[in-house]
Amino acid sequence: MHIVDILQQWSDTNAFFIWLRESPSVWAYPMVFFAHTLGLAFTAGASVVIDARLLGAAGFVPVAPLARYFRAIWIAVWLTVVSGLVMLGSDPQTKLTNRLFPLKMLFVVAAIALTAALRGRVASAGVESNVPPVLRALAAMSLLCWLGAVAAGKFMAYF
């Protein structure tokens, strides 16, 4: 038996996931999906703002004060991960066999790693508007990964 089949069988017999899939309540899957979207908005949204600043947008804004947003980003990362795992658990067969799922996860892992790499560099950037090339490169990769993760996640519904 394949691991995906085992996970699907577990999900099909798990009371919580049955309720999540079958309940008409807004507190079931719609609320988990909302939590995932909210987490993604704060994670990817704040990261995109920081990345855009590092790439030259709003050059009058000092870089270092943006470091304060990383706490919210990490809280949102955990909200997104937990809600994503719950959504995955509700229908592992469909999600894990979607051809875009591995690409989405690759983008997500890379985006989180790049965000972690940017955190310390942003905090120590100072108030000058000069952003070192390595920081710009990290920001560009981060931006591409966050946009790729969001796009792959949205396109999964159509594949």
N, C-alpha and C. Protein backbone atom coordinates (compact mmCIF):
# COMPACT_ATOMS: atom_id res chain seq x y z
N MET A 1 0.85 -1.18 0.00
CA MET A 1 0.00 0.00 0.00
C MET A 1 0.90 1.25 0.00
N HIS A 2 0.59 2.21 -0.81
CA HIS A 2 1.34 3.45 -0.96
C HIS A 2 1.03 4.39 0.22
N ILE A 3 1.98 5.22 0.60
CA ILE A 3 1.82 6.13 1.74
C ILE A 3 0.63 7.06 1.56
N VAL A 4 0.38 7.50 0.33
CA VAL A 4 -0.77 8.38 0.07
C VAL A 4 -2.07 7.64 0.37
N ASP A 5 -2.14 6.36 0.00
CA ASP A 5 -3.33 5.56 0.29
C ASP A 5 -3.52 5.38 1.79
N ILE A 6 -2.43 5.18 2.50
CA ILE A 6 -2.50 5.02 3.95
C ILE A 6 -3.01 6.31 4.59
N LEU A 7 -2.47 7.44 4.15
CA LEU A 7 -2.92 8.74 4.69
C LEU A 7 -4.38 9.00 4.37
N GLN A 8 -4.81 8.64 3.15
CA GLN A 8 -6.20 8.84 2.78
C GLN A 8 -7.12 7.96 3.61
N GLN A 9 -6.71 6.73 3.84
CA GLN A 9 -7.51 5.82 4.66
C GLN A 9 -7.62 6.36 6.08
N TRP A 10 -6.53 6.86 6.62
CA TRP A 10 -6.55 7.45 7.96
C TRP A 10 -7.48 8.66 7.99
N SER A 11 -7.40 9.52 6.97
CA SER A 11 -8.25 10.70 6.90
C SER A 11 -9.72 10.31 6.79
N ASP A 12 -10.00 9.27 6.01
CA ASP A 12 -11.38 8.83 5.80
C ASP A 12 -12.02 8.26 7.06
N THR A 13 -11.21 7.84 8.02
CA THR A 13 -11.75 7.26 9.26
C THR A 13 -11.54 8.15 10.47
N ASN A 14 -10.94 9.29 10.29
CA ASN A 14 -10.66 10.20 11.39
C ASN A 14 -11.86 11.13 11.59
N ALA A 15 -12.40 11.15 12.81
CA ALA A 15 -13.62 11.93 13.09
C ALA A 15 -13.44 13.41 12.78
N PHE A 16 -12.30 13.96 13.14
CA PHE A 16 -12.07 15.38 12.90
C PHE A 16 -12.09 15.69 11.40
N PHE A 17 -11.40 14.89 10.60
CA PHE A 17 -11.34 15.15 9.16
C PHE A 17 -12.66 14.86 8.47
N ILE A 18 -13.41 13.90 8.97
CA ILE A 18 -14.76 13.66 8.44
C ILE A 18 -15.61 14.90 8.68
N TRP A 19 -15.58 15.41 9.91
CA TRP A 19 -16.34 16.62 10.23
C TRP A 19 -15.88 17.79 9.36
N LEU A 20 -14.57 17.94 9.21
CA LEU A 20 -14.01 19.04 8.43
C LEU A 20 -14.50 19.00 6.99
N ARG A 21 -14.51 17.81 6.40
CA ARG A 21 -14.93 17.64 5.00
C ARG A 21 -16.44 17.77 4.82
N GLU A 22 -17.20 17.21 5.75
CA GLU A 22 -18.64 17.03 5.51
C GLU A 22 -19.53 18.05 6.20
N SER A 23 -19.02 18.77 7.17
CA SER A 23 -19.84 19.72 7.91
C SER A 23 -20.20 20.93 7.06
N PRO A 24 -21.45 21.36 7.11
CA PRO A 24 -21.84 22.58 6.41
C PRO A 24 -21.47 23.85 7.21
N SER A 25 -20.94 23.65 8.39
CA SER A 25 -20.60 24.76 9.28
C SER A 25 -19.47 25.61 8.73
N VAL A 26 -19.59 26.91 8.94
CA VAL A 26 -18.52 27.82 8.55
C VAL A 26 -17.28 27.58 9.41
N TRP A 27 -17.45 26.93 10.54
CA TRP A 27 -16.33 26.64 11.45
C TRP A 27 -15.53 25.44 11.00
N ALA A 28 -15.97 24.76 9.97
CA ALA A 28 -15.24 23.60 9.45
C ALA A 28 -14.22 24.07 8.41
N TYR A 29 -14.23 23.46 7.25
CA TYR A 29 -13.21 23.75 6.23
C TYR A 29 -13.11 25.23 5.86
N PRO A 30 -14.23 25.95 5.74
CA PRO A 30 -14.10 27.37 5.39
C PRO A 30 -13.25 28.17 6.39
N MET A 31 -13.35 27.86 7.67
CA MET A 31 -12.56 28.60 8.65
C MET A 31 -11.08 28.22 8.56
N VAL A 32 -10.79 26.96 8.31
CA VAL A 32 -9.39 26.55 8.15
C VAL A 32 -8.81 27.20 6.90
N PHE A 33 -9.60 27.24 5.83
CA PHE A 33 -9.14 27.89 4.60
C PHE A 33 -8.92 29.39 4.84
N PHE A 34 -9.82 30.02 5.60
CA PHE A 34 -9.65 31.44 5.93
C PHE A 34 -8.38 31.65 6.74
N ALA A 35 -8.14 30.79 7.73
CA ALA A 35 -6.92 30.91 8.54
C ALA A 35 -5.68 30.78 7.66
N HIS A 36 -5.72 29.86 6.71
CA HIS A 36 -4.59 29.66 5.79
C HIS A 36 -4.38 30.91 4.93
N THR A 37 -5.46 31.46 4.44
CA THR A 37 -5.38 32.67 3.61
C THR A 37 -4.87 33.85 4.43
N LEU A 38 -5.36 34.00 5.64
CA LEU A 38 -4.91 35.08 6.53
C LEU A 38 -3.43 34.93 6.83
N GLY A 39 -3.00 33.74 7.17
CA GLY A 39 -1.58 33.50 7.42
C GLY A 39 -0.73 33.80 6.20
N LEU A 40 -1.21 33.39 5.06
CA LEU A 40 -0.48 33.64 3.81
C LEU A 40 -0.40 35.13 3.51
N ALA A 41 -1.48 35.86 3.77
CA ALA A 41 -1.47 37.30 3.53
C ALA A 41 -0.40 37.99 4.37
N PHE A 42 -0.30 37.59 5.63
CA PHE A 42 0.70 38.22 6.50
C PHE A 42 2.11 37.71 6.23
N THR A 43 2.23 36.45 5.85
CA THR A 43 3.55 35.89 5.56
C THR A 43 4.08 36.41 4.23
N ALA A 44 3.39 36.07 3.17
CA ALA A 44 3.84 36.47 1.84
C ALA A 44 3.70 37.97 1.65
N GLY A 45 2.62 38.54 2.15
CA GLY A 45 2.39 39.97 1.97
C GLY A 45 3.49 40.81 2.57
N ALA A 46 3.82 40.55 3.84
CA ALA A 46 4.88 41.32 4.50
C ALA A 46 6.23 41.04 3.86
N SER A 47 6.45 39.81 3.47
CA SER A 47 7.72 39.46 2.82
C SER A 47 7.87 40.18 1.48
N VAL A 48 6.79 40.27 0.73
CA VAL A 48 6.83 40.97 -0.56
C VAL A 48 7.15 42.45 -0.35
N VAL A 49 6.57 43.04 0.68
CA VAL A 49 6.84 44.46 0.97
C VAL A 49 8.33 44.65 1.30
N ILE A 50 8.86 43.79 2.16
CA ILE A 50 10.28 43.88 2.52
C ILE A 50 11.16 43.63 1.30
N ASP A 51 10.82 42.60 0.52
CA ASP A 51 11.59 42.30 -0.69
C ASP A 51 11.57 43.48 -1.66
N ALA A 52 10.40 44.07 -1.84
CA ALA A 52 10.29 45.21 -2.76
C ALA A 52 11.15 46.38 -2.29
N ARG A 53 11.16 46.63 -0.98
CA ARG A 53 12.01 47.71 -0.46
C ARG A 53 13.48 47.42 -0.71
N LEU A 54 13.89 46.17 -0.49
CA LEU A 54 15.29 45.79 -0.71
C LEU A 54 15.67 45.88 -2.18
N LEU A 55 14.68 45.74 -3.05
CA LEU A 55 14.93 45.82 -4.49
C LEU A 55 14.84 47.25 -5.01
N GLY A 56 14.59 48.20 -4.11
CA GLY A 56 14.64 49.60 -4.52
C GLY A 56 13.35 50.38 -4.42
N ALA A 57 12.24 49.73 -4.17
CA ALA A 57 10.97 50.45 -4.03
C ALA A 57 10.99 51.26 -2.73
N ALA A 58 10.36 52.41 -2.74
CA ALA A 58 10.27 53.27 -1.56
C ALA A 58 11.64 53.49 -0.92
N GLY A 59 12.59 53.92 -1.73
CA GLY A 59 13.96 54.11 -1.27
C GLY A 59 14.13 55.06 -0.11
N PHE A 60 13.13 55.88 0.13
CA PHE A 60 13.19 56.82 1.26
C PHE A 60 12.91 56.13 2.60
N VAL A 61 12.40 54.89 2.56
CA VAL A 61 12.11 54.13 3.79
C VAL A 61 13.37 53.41 4.22
N PRO A 62 13.82 53.65 5.49
CA PRO A 62 14.99 52.91 5.97
C PRO A 62 14.70 51.42 6.04
N VAL A 63 15.72 50.62 5.81
CA VAL A 63 15.56 49.17 5.76
C VAL A 63 15.45 48.56 7.16
N ALA A 64 16.32 48.94 8.08
CA ALA A 64 16.40 48.29 9.40
C ALA A 64 15.07 48.25 10.14
N PRO A 65 14.25 49.31 10.15
CA PRO A 65 12.98 49.23 10.88
C PRO A 65 12.01 48.16 10.36
N LEU A 66 12.23 47.70 9.14
CA LEU A 66 11.38 46.64 8.59
C LEU A 66 11.57 45.32 9.33
N ALA A 67 12.67 45.20 10.06
CA ALA A 67 12.96 43.97 10.81
C ALA A 67 11.87 43.66 11.83
N ARG A 68 11.18 44.68 12.31
CA ARG A 68 10.13 44.45 13.32
C ARG A 68 8.99 43.60 12.77
N TYR A 69 8.84 43.55 11.45
CA TYR A 69 7.73 42.79 10.85
C TYR A 69 8.02 41.29 10.79
N PHE A 70 9.25 40.90 11.04
CA PHE A 70 9.57 39.47 10.96
C PHE A 70 8.87 38.66 12.05
N ARG A 71 8.59 39.25 13.18
CA ARG A 71 7.86 38.52 14.23
C ARG A 71 6.46 38.14 13.72
N ALA A 72 5.78 39.11 13.11
CA ALA A 72 4.46 38.84 12.55
C ALA A 72 4.56 37.81 11.42
N ILE A 73 5.62 37.91 10.63
CA ILE A 73 5.82 36.96 9.54
C ILE A 73 5.94 35.55 10.10
N TRP A 74 6.73 35.35 11.15
CA TRP A 74 6.93 34.00 11.70
C TRP A 74 5.68 33.47 12.36
N ILE A 75 4.91 34.33 13.03
CA ILE A 75 3.62 33.89 13.59
C ILE A 75 2.71 33.44 12.46
N ALA A 76 2.68 34.22 11.39
CA ALA A 76 1.84 33.88 10.24
C ALA A 76 2.33 32.61 9.53
N VAL A 77 3.65 32.41 9.51
CA VAL A 77 4.18 31.17 8.92
C VAL A 77 3.61 29.98 9.66
N TRP A 78 3.62 30.02 10.98
CA TRP A 78 3.09 28.90 11.76
C TRP A 78 1.59 28.71 11.55
N LEU A 79 0.84 29.80 11.47
CA LEU A 79 -0.59 29.71 11.18
C LEU A 79 -0.81 29.06 9.82
N THR A 80 -0.02 29.46 8.84
CA THR A 80 -0.14 28.92 7.49
C THR A 80 0.25 27.44 7.45
N VAL A 81 1.32 27.08 8.13
CA VAL A 81 1.76 25.68 8.14
C VAL A 81 0.72 24.78 8.82
N VAL A 82 0.25 25.20 9.99
CA VAL A 82 -0.73 24.38 10.72
C VAL A 82 -2.02 24.24 9.92
N SER A 83 -2.55 25.36 9.42
CA SER A 83 -3.79 25.29 8.64
C SER A 83 -3.58 24.50 7.35
N GLY A 84 -2.40 24.62 6.75
CA GLY A 84 -2.10 23.87 5.54
C GLY A 84 -2.06 22.37 5.80
N LEU A 85 -1.47 21.98 6.93
CA LEU A 85 -1.45 20.55 7.29
C LEU A 85 -2.85 20.02 7.56
N VAL A 86 -3.69 20.84 8.18
CA VAL A 86 -5.08 20.43 8.42
C VAL A 86 -5.81 20.26 7.08
N MET A 87 -5.63 21.21 6.17
CA MET A 87 -6.27 21.08 4.85
C MET A 87 -5.73 19.86 4.11
N LEU A 88 -4.43 19.63 4.21
CA LEU A 88 -3.83 18.45 3.58
C LEU A 88 -4.43 17.17 4.17
N GLY A 89 -4.58 17.14 5.49
CA GLY A 89 -5.14 15.97 6.15
C GLY A 89 -6.59 15.70 5.79
N SER A 90 -7.31 16.73 5.36
CA SER A 90 -8.71 16.52 5.02
C SER A 90 -8.89 15.77 3.70
N ASP A 91 -7.90 15.82 2.83
CA ASP A 91 -7.97 15.12 1.55
C ASP A 91 -6.57 14.89 0.99
N PRO A 92 -5.78 14.04 1.66
CA PRO A 92 -4.39 13.84 1.23
C PRO A 92 -4.25 13.30 -0.19
N GLN A 93 -5.16 12.43 -0.60
CA GLN A 93 -5.06 11.84 -1.94
C GLN A 93 -5.10 12.92 -3.02
N THR A 94 -6.06 13.80 -2.92
CA THR A 94 -6.21 14.85 -3.93
C THR A 94 -5.04 15.83 -3.89
N LYS A 95 -4.66 16.24 -2.70
CA LYS A 95 -3.61 17.26 -2.57
C LYS A 95 -2.23 16.70 -2.95
N LEU A 96 -1.90 15.54 -2.42
CA LEU A 96 -0.56 14.98 -2.64
C LEU A 96 -0.33 14.48 -4.06
N THR A 97 -1.39 14.15 -4.76
CA THR A 97 -1.22 13.68 -6.13
C THR A 97 -1.40 14.79 -7.16
N ASN A 98 -1.70 16.00 -6.71
CA ASN A 98 -1.79 17.13 -7.62
C ASN A 98 -0.39 17.44 -8.13
N ARG A 99 -0.25 17.57 -9.44
CA ARG A 99 1.09 17.73 -10.01
C ARG A 99 1.75 19.05 -9.63
N LEU A 100 0.98 20.03 -9.15
CA LEU A 100 1.57 21.29 -8.72
C LEU A 100 1.98 21.30 -7.25
N PHE A 101 1.52 20.31 -6.48
CA PHE A 101 1.82 20.29 -5.05
C PHE A 101 3.32 20.28 -4.74
N PRO A 102 4.12 19.43 -5.39
CA PRO A 102 5.55 19.45 -5.11
C PRO A 102 6.20 20.80 -5.45
N LEU A 103 5.76 21.41 -6.53
CA LEU A 103 6.30 22.72 -6.91
C LEU A 103 5.93 23.76 -5.86
N LYS A 104 4.69 23.73 -5.41
CA LYS A 104 4.25 24.66 -4.37
C LYS A 104 5.10 24.49 -3.12
N MET A 105 5.30 23.27 -2.69
CA MET A 105 6.08 23.01 -1.48
C MET A 105 7.54 23.43 -1.64
N LEU A 106 8.08 23.23 -2.82
CA LEU A 106 9.45 23.67 -3.10
C LEU A 106 9.55 25.19 -2.96
N PHE A 107 8.60 25.90 -3.54
CA PHE A 107 8.57 27.36 -3.42
C PHE A 107 8.40 27.79 -1.97
N VAL A 108 7.52 27.13 -1.24
CA VAL A 108 7.26 27.48 0.17
C VAL A 108 8.51 27.29 1.01
N VAL A 109 9.14 26.15 0.91
CA VAL A 109 10.36 25.88 1.69
C VAL A 109 11.46 26.86 1.34
N ALA A 110 11.65 27.11 0.05
CA ALA A 110 12.68 28.06 -0.38
C ALA A 110 12.36 29.47 0.12
N ALA A 111 11.09 29.87 0.03
CA ALA A 111 10.69 31.21 0.48
C ALA A 111 10.91 31.38 1.98
N ILE A 112 10.58 30.37 2.75
CA ILE A 112 10.79 30.45 4.20
C ILE A 112 12.28 30.51 4.52
N ALA A 113 13.07 29.70 3.84
CA ALA A 113 14.53 29.72 4.06
C ALA A 113 15.12 31.08 3.70
N LEU A 114 14.67 31.65 2.59
CA LEU A 114 15.16 32.96 2.17
C LEU A 114 14.71 34.05 3.13
N THR A 115 13.51 33.94 3.64
CA THR A 115 13.01 34.91 4.62
C THR A 115 13.86 34.84 5.88
N ALA A 116 14.21 33.63 6.29
CA ALA A 116 15.07 33.47 7.47
C ALA A 116 16.45 34.09 7.21
N ALA A 117 16.96 33.90 6.01
CA ALA A 117 18.27 34.45 5.67
C ALA A 117 18.23 35.98 5.63
N LEU A 118 17.11 36.54 5.23
CA LEU A 118 16.98 37.99 5.15
C LEU A 118 16.82 38.66 6.51
N ARG A 119 16.26 37.94 7.47
CA ARG A 119 15.90 38.54 8.75
C ARG A 119 17.07 39.28 9.41
N GLY A 120 18.16 38.59 9.63
CA GLY A 120 19.32 39.20 10.28
C GLY A 120 19.94 40.30 9.46
N ARG A 121 19.96 40.11 8.17
CA ARG A 121 20.57 41.12 7.29
C ARG A 121 19.74 42.41 7.26
N VAL A 122 18.43 42.28 7.33
CA VAL A 122 17.57 43.45 7.35
C VAL A 122 17.75 44.20 8.66
N ALA A 123 17.81 43.47 9.76
CA ALA A 123 17.97 44.10 11.08
C ALA A 123 19.28 44.88 11.18
N SER A 124 20.32 44.41 10.53
CA SER A 124 21.62 45.07 10.63
C SER A 124 21.90 46.01 9.45
N ALA A 125 20.90 46.29 8.65
CA ALA A 125 21.11 47.09 7.44
C ALA A 125 21.38 48.57 7.73
N GLY A 126 20.94 49.06 8.87
CA GLY A 126 21.14 50.47 9.17
C GLY A 126 20.09 51.32 8.48
N VAL A 127 20.29 52.63 8.53
CA VAL A 127 19.28 53.54 7.98
C VAL A 127 19.58 53.98 6.55
N GLU A 128 20.76 53.64 6.06
CA GLU A 128 21.11 54.06 4.70
C GLU A 128 20.23 53.35 3.68
N SER A 129 20.08 53.97 2.55
CA SER A 129 19.23 53.38 1.52
C SER A 129 20.01 52.49 0.56
N ASN A 130 21.33 52.39 0.75
CA ASN A 130 22.15 51.50 -0.08
C ASN A 130 21.94 50.06 0.37
N VAL A 131 21.52 49.23 -0.53
CA VAL A 131 21.29 47.82 -0.22
C VAL A 131 22.35 47.03 -0.97
N PRO A 132 23.15 46.23 -0.25
CA PRO A 132 24.21 45.45 -0.91
C PRO A 132 23.63 44.49 -1.97
N PRO A 133 24.40 44.21 -3.00
CA PRO A 133 23.93 43.32 -4.08
C PRO A 133 23.48 41.94 -3.58
N VAL A 134 24.17 41.39 -2.59
CA VAL A 134 23.78 40.06 -2.10
C VAL A 134 22.39 40.12 -1.45
N LEU A 135 22.09 41.21 -0.78
CA LEU A 135 20.78 41.38 -0.16
C LEU A 135 19.70 41.55 -1.23
N ARG A 136 20.03 42.28 -2.28
CA ARG A 136 19.09 42.43 -3.40
C ARG A 136 18.82 41.07 -4.07
N ALA A 137 19.86 40.28 -4.23
CA ALA A 137 19.70 38.95 -4.84
C ALA A 137 18.81 38.06 -3.98
N LEU A 138 19.03 38.07 -2.67
CA LEU A 138 18.18 37.28 -1.76
C LEU A 138 16.73 37.76 -1.83
N ALA A 139 16.55 39.07 -1.87
CA ALA A 139 15.20 39.62 -1.95
C ALA A 139 14.52 39.23 -3.26
N ALA A 140 15.24 39.26 -4.35
CA ALA A 140 14.67 38.87 -5.65
C ALA A 140 14.25 37.41 -5.64
N MET A 141 15.12 36.56 -5.10
CA MET A 141 14.78 35.13 -5.02
C MET A 141 13.59 34.91 -4.09
N SER A 142 13.57 35.62 -2.96
CA SER A 142 12.46 35.52 -2.02
C SER A 142 11.15 35.93 -2.69
N LEU A 143 11.18 37.05 -3.37
CA LEU A 143 9.99 37.53 -4.06
C LEU A 143 9.48 36.51 -5.08
N LEU A 144 10.38 35.96 -5.87
CA LEU A 144 9.98 34.95 -6.85
C LEU A 144 9.40 33.70 -6.18
N CYS A 145 10.00 33.30 -5.07
CA CYS A 145 9.51 32.10 -4.38
C CYS A 145 8.15 32.33 -3.75
N TRP A 146 7.93 33.49 -3.11
CA TRP A 146 6.62 33.77 -2.52
C TRP A 146 5.55 33.85 -3.61
N LEU A 147 5.85 34.53 -4.70
CA LEU A 147 4.88 34.62 -5.79
C LEU A 147 4.64 33.25 -6.42
N GLY A 148 5.70 32.46 -6.55
CA GLY A 148 5.56 31.10 -7.08
C GLY A 148 4.71 30.22 -6.18
N ALA A 149 4.90 30.33 -4.87
CA ALA A 149 4.12 29.53 -3.92
C ALA A 149 2.65 29.90 -3.98
N VAL A 150 2.37 31.19 -4.01
CA VAL A 150 0.97 31.64 -4.08
C VAL A 150 0.34 31.20 -5.40
N ALA A 151 1.04 31.40 -6.50
CA ALA A 151 0.50 31.02 -7.81
C ALA A 151 0.27 29.51 -7.90
N ALA A 152 1.25 28.73 -7.48
CA ALA A 152 1.11 27.27 -7.54
C ALA A 152 -0.05 26.82 -6.66
N GLY A 153 -0.20 27.41 -5.48
CA GLY A 153 -1.29 27.06 -4.58
C GLY A 153 -2.65 27.37 -5.20
N LYS A 154 -2.77 28.52 -5.83
CA LYS A 154 -4.03 28.90 -6.46
C LYS A 154 -4.32 28.03 -7.69
N PHE A 155 -3.30 27.76 -8.49
CA PHE A 155 -3.49 26.96 -9.70
C PHE A 155 -3.78 25.49 -9.40
N MET A 156 -3.47 25.03 -8.18
CA MET A 156 -3.75 23.64 -7.82
C MET A 156 -5.23 23.31 -7.98
N ALA A 157 -6.08 24.29 -7.79
CA ALA A 157 -7.52 24.05 -7.91
C ALA A 157 -7.95 23.65 -9.32
N TYR A 158 -7.10 23.95 -10.30
CA TYR A 158 -7.46 23.72 -11.69
C TYR A 158 -6.73 22.53 -12.32
N PHE A 159 -5.90 21.84 -11.52
CA PHE A 159 -5.15 20.69 -12.05
C PHE A 159 -5.43 19.45 -11.23
